[in-house]
Protein backbone atom coordinates (compact mmCIF):
# COMPACT_ATOMS: atom_id res chain seq x y z
CA UNK A 1 -0.01 -0.28 -0.01
CA UNK A 2 3.22 2.42 0.49
CA UNK A 3 4.41 2.02 -3.09
CA UNK A 4 5.12 4.00 -4.70
CA UNK A 5 5.25 6.81 -2.06
CA UNK A 6 7.66 5.16 0.39
CA UNK A 7 10.73 5.88 -1.26
CA UNK A 8 13.06 4.93 1.38
CA UNK A 9 11.67 0.99 1.26
CA UNK A 10 11.20 0.56 -2.65
CA UNK A 11 14.09 1.71 -5.09
CA UNK A 12 12.21 1.15 -7.98
CA UNK A 13 9.01 3.85 -6.30
CA UNK A 14 10.01 6.84 -9.15
CA UNK A 15 9.68 4.39 -11.91
CA UNK A 16 5.81 3.31 -11.13
CA UNK A 17 4.37 5.87 -13.98
CA UNK A 18 6.02 3.96 -16.19
CA UNK A 19 6.50 0.62 -14.99
CA UNK A 20 3.59 -2.43 -15.34
CA UNK A 21 4.96 -5.20 -12.69
CA UNK A 22 2.77 -4.26 -9.98
CA UNK A 23 -0.42 -2.17 -11.19
CA UNK A 24 -1.36 -4.59 -14.08
CA UNK A 25 -0.79 -1.80 -16.52
CA UNK A 26 0.54 -4.02 -18.94
CA UNK A 27 -2.84 -5.29 -18.99
CA UNK A 28 -4.06 -1.83 -20.90
CA UNK A 29 -5.55 -2.66 -24.60
CA UNK A 30 -6.04 -1.18 -28.17
CA UNK A 31 -9.51 0.31 -28.28
CA UNK A 32 -10.18 -1.64 -31.30
CA UNK A 33 -9.28 -4.87 -30.13
CA UNK A 34 -12.17 -4.19 -27.08
CA UNK A 35 -14.40 -3.54 -29.13
CA UNK A 36 -13.57 -6.48 -31.82
CA UNK A 37 -14.52 -8.40 -28.19
CA UNK A 38 -17.34 -7.37 -27.44
CA UNK A 39 -18.64 -7.58 -30.72
CA UNK A 40 -17.64 -10.97 -30.81
CA UNK A 41 -19.12 -11.69 -27.77
CA UNK A 42 -22.56 -10.71 -28.76
CA UNK A 43 -22.42 -12.98 -32.08
CA UNK A 44 -21.42 -9.96 -34.23
CA UNK A 45 -18.11 -10.86 -36.18
CA UNK A 46 -18.35 -8.51 -39.47
CA UNK A 47 -16.68 -5.56 -37.97
CA UNK A 48 -14.21 -3.49 -39.30
CA UNK A 49 -12.14 -1.41 -35.99
CA UNK A 50 -9.05 -0.48 -38.18
CA UNK A 51 -10.22 3.37 -37.98
CA UNK A 52 -10.28 3.44 -34.38
CA UNK A 53 -7.58 4.47 -31.87
CA UNK A 54 -7.11 4.69 -28.13
CA UNK A 55 -6.10 2.48 -25.13
CA UNK A 56 -8.57 1.05 -22.38
CA UNK A 57 -6.30 0.98 -19.25
CA UNK A 58 -9.75 -0.59 -17.89
CA UNK A 59 -13.45 -0.55 -17.96
CA UNK A 60 -16.02 -2.15 -15.41
CA UNK A 61 -19.32 -2.99 -16.55
CA UNK A 62 -21.49 -3.45 -13.49
CA UNK A 63 -24.78 -4.64 -15.09
CA UNK A 64 -25.19 -7.42 -17.93
CA UNK A 65 -26.77 -6.20 -21.24
CA UNK A 66 -25.81 -6.11 -24.74
CA UNK A 67 -23.03 -4.86 -26.53
CA UNK A 68 -24.59 -1.40 -27.36
CA UNK A 69 -24.82 -0.81 -23.48
CA UNK A 70 -21.32 -2.06 -23.42
CA UNK A 71 -20.00 -0.22 -26.23
CA UNK A 72 -21.64 3.32 -25.38
CA UNK A 73 -19.58 4.23 -22.24
CA UNK A 74 -16.34 3.38 -24.73
CA UNK A 75 -17.89 5.44 -27.79
CA UNK A 76 -18.61 8.43 -25.50
CA UNK A 77 -14.91 8.12 -23.79
CA UNK A 78 -12.92 7.91 -26.79
CA UNK A 79 -15.73 9.78 -29.48
CA UNK A 80 -15.70 7.32 -32.05
CA UNK A 81 -19.07 6.20 -34.22
CA UNK A 82 -20.34 2.56 -35.65
CA UNK A 83 -21.99 2.55 -38.87
CA UNK A 84 -23.33 -0.44 -40.98
CA UNK A 85 -21.71 -0.72 -44.56
CA UNK A 86 -22.46 -3.46 -46.69
CA UNK A 87 -23.23 -5.93 -44.27
CA UNK A 88 -20.54 -4.82 -41.75
CA UNK A 89 -20.33 -2.87 -38.87
CA UNK A 90 -17.96 -0.28 -38.97
CA UNK A 91 -16.01 1.85 -36.53
CA UNK A 92 -14.23 5.13 -36.94
CA UNK A 93 -12.91 7.68 -34.61
CA UNK A 94 -13.99 10.87 -34.93
CA UNK A 95 -11.10 13.22 -36.91
CA UNK A 96 -13.20 16.80 -37.45
CA UNK A 97 -11.97 16.25 -41.16
CA UNK A 98 -14.49 15.88 -44.06
CA UNK A 99 -14.76 12.78 -45.49
CA UNK A 100 -17.97 13.13 -47.44
CA UNK A 101 -19.33 16.00 -49.52
CA UNK A 102 -23.32 16.35 -49.83
CA UNK A 103 -24.48 16.48 -53.48
CA UNK A 104 -27.21 19.46 -53.57
CA UNK A 105 -28.77 17.87 -56.27
CA UNK A 106 -29.29 14.46 -54.25
CA UNK A 107 -31.26 16.85 -50.95
CA UNK A 108 -34.73 17.19 -50.16
CA UNK A 109 -36.14 20.60 -51.12
CA UNK A 110 -38.76 22.78 -50.16
CA UNK A 111 -40.38 25.61 -51.44
CA UNK A 112 -40.69 27.21 -47.70
CA UNK A 113 -36.69 26.94 -47.79
CA UNK A 114 -34.19 29.60 -49.04
CA UNK A 115 -31.44 27.19 -49.36
CA UNK A 116 -31.25 23.18 -49.36
CA UNK A 117 -29.18 22.98 -46.33
CA UNK A 118 -30.04 24.88 -43.25
CA UNK A 119 -27.88 25.56 -40.17
CA UNK A 120 -30.00 25.68 -36.74
CA UNK A 121 -28.41 26.02 -33.44
CA UNK A 122 -29.62 26.00 -29.65
CA UNK A 123 -30.94 28.57 -27.17
CA UNK A 124 -27.65 29.28 -25.25
CA UNK A 125 -30.07 28.33 -22.84
CA UNK A 126 -29.90 24.53 -23.49
CA UNK A 127 -26.50 24.69 -24.12
CA UNK A 128 -23.69 23.12 -22.10
CA UNK A 129 -21.12 25.71 -21.04
CA UNK A 130 -19.35 23.18 -18.37
CA UNK A 131 -18.86 19.52 -18.66
CA UNK A 132 -17.66 17.09 -15.54
CA UNK A 133 -16.46 13.74 -16.28
CA UNK A 134 -16.66 11.39 -13.24
CA UNK A 135 -14.22 8.44 -13.93
CA UNK A 136 -11.93 5.56 -12.05
CA UNK A 137 -8.27 7.18 -11.51
CA UNK A 138 -5.56 4.99 -12.95
CA UNK A 139 -2.99 7.46 -10.89
CA UNK A 140 -3.22 5.70 -6.82
CA UNK A 141 -5.90 3.62 -5.62
CA UNK A 142 -8.15 3.48 -8.44
CA UNK A 143 -10.42 6.61 -6.87
CA UNK A 144 -13.18 7.68 -8.02
CA UNK A 145 -12.44 11.68 -9.87
CA UNK A 146 -13.86 14.53 -11.48
CA UNK A 147 -12.27 16.16 -14.60
CA UNK A 148 -13.95 19.59 -16.04
CA UNK A 149 -13.96 21.77 -18.99
CA UNK A 150 -15.46 25.21 -19.26
CA UNK A 151 -15.71 27.64 -22.06
CA UNK A 152 -13.89 30.73 -20.36
CA UNK A 153 -17.56 32.78 -21.91
CA UNK A 154 -19.03 30.57 -19.81
CA UNK A 155 -22.18 32.25 -18.24
CA UNK A 156 -23.44 29.20 -16.23
CA UNK A 157 -26.29 28.39 -18.71
CA UNK A 158 -25.68 25.01 -18.38
CA UNK A 159 -23.68 21.87 -17.11
CA UNK A 160 -23.22 18.02 -18.39
CA UNK A 161 -22.16 15.70 -15.76
CA UNK A 162 -21.43 11.97 -16.94
CA UNK A 163 -19.84 8.93 -15.15
CA UNK A 164 -17.65 6.92 -16.92
CA UNK A 165 -16.69 3.24 -16.05
CA UNK A 166 -13.57 3.82 -17.11
CA UNK A 167 -9.88 3.78 -15.90
CA UNK A 168 -7.97 7.09 -17.19
CA UNK A 169 -5.61 8.96 -16.74
CA UNK A 170 -6.13 12.91 -15.34
CA UNK A 171 -5.24 14.23 -18.63
CA UNK A 172 -7.21 12.23 -20.50
CA UNK A 173 -10.13 12.73 -18.55
CA UNK A 174 -9.59 16.38 -18.98
CA UNK A 175 -9.22 15.98 -22.68
CA UNK A 176 -12.83 13.99 -22.64
CA UNK A 177 -14.14 16.95 -21.13
CA UNK A 178 -12.72 19.11 -23.34
CA UNK A 179 -14.06 17.32 -26.43
CA UNK A 180 -17.30 16.78 -25.28
CA UNK A 181 -17.98 20.58 -24.41
CA UNK A 182 -17.01 21.11 -28.22
CA UNK A 183 -18.70 18.57 -29.86
CA UNK A 184 -21.81 20.56 -27.42
CA UNK A 185 -21.09 23.36 -29.05
CA UNK A 186 -20.46 22.73 -32.55
CA UNK A 187 -23.74 20.67 -32.39
């Protein structure tokens, strides 16, 4: 219990953040392998996870459920989507890059619209300006911690809170909160 803090007892205590021998960090897996395993256990074998990026340090599911319930926290934490393409379930990490252009000739048009594409924003009161993410801390004793992100112009419009059953480092949790906040503002 005193490792790595009791440096006088543990000569290798300073290596704890990079080591794996006691804390099981060698068990961290690639995100794509975890998603493939969840799909395989549910009987879905036709998957494509080549465009998934990230690692899973730990993941706790406290209830039995289907693959969708098991994938949802991973999708939220790592920012990826799933879509059916040609009979396969395809998973892709969001990159923010434009991968498809809309052909205006193929869009449904209405006489009531000035343009075939219309952008609508939610009122400020419905837009989250602060996001809090609770997670299982990788550093230390796997405590439950919270990371937060807020826009500098935050006028307390709203806050979103989510609990992730995942083991994360503090920078990873903060990055997730910042990504959620940015995605909420853009959406």
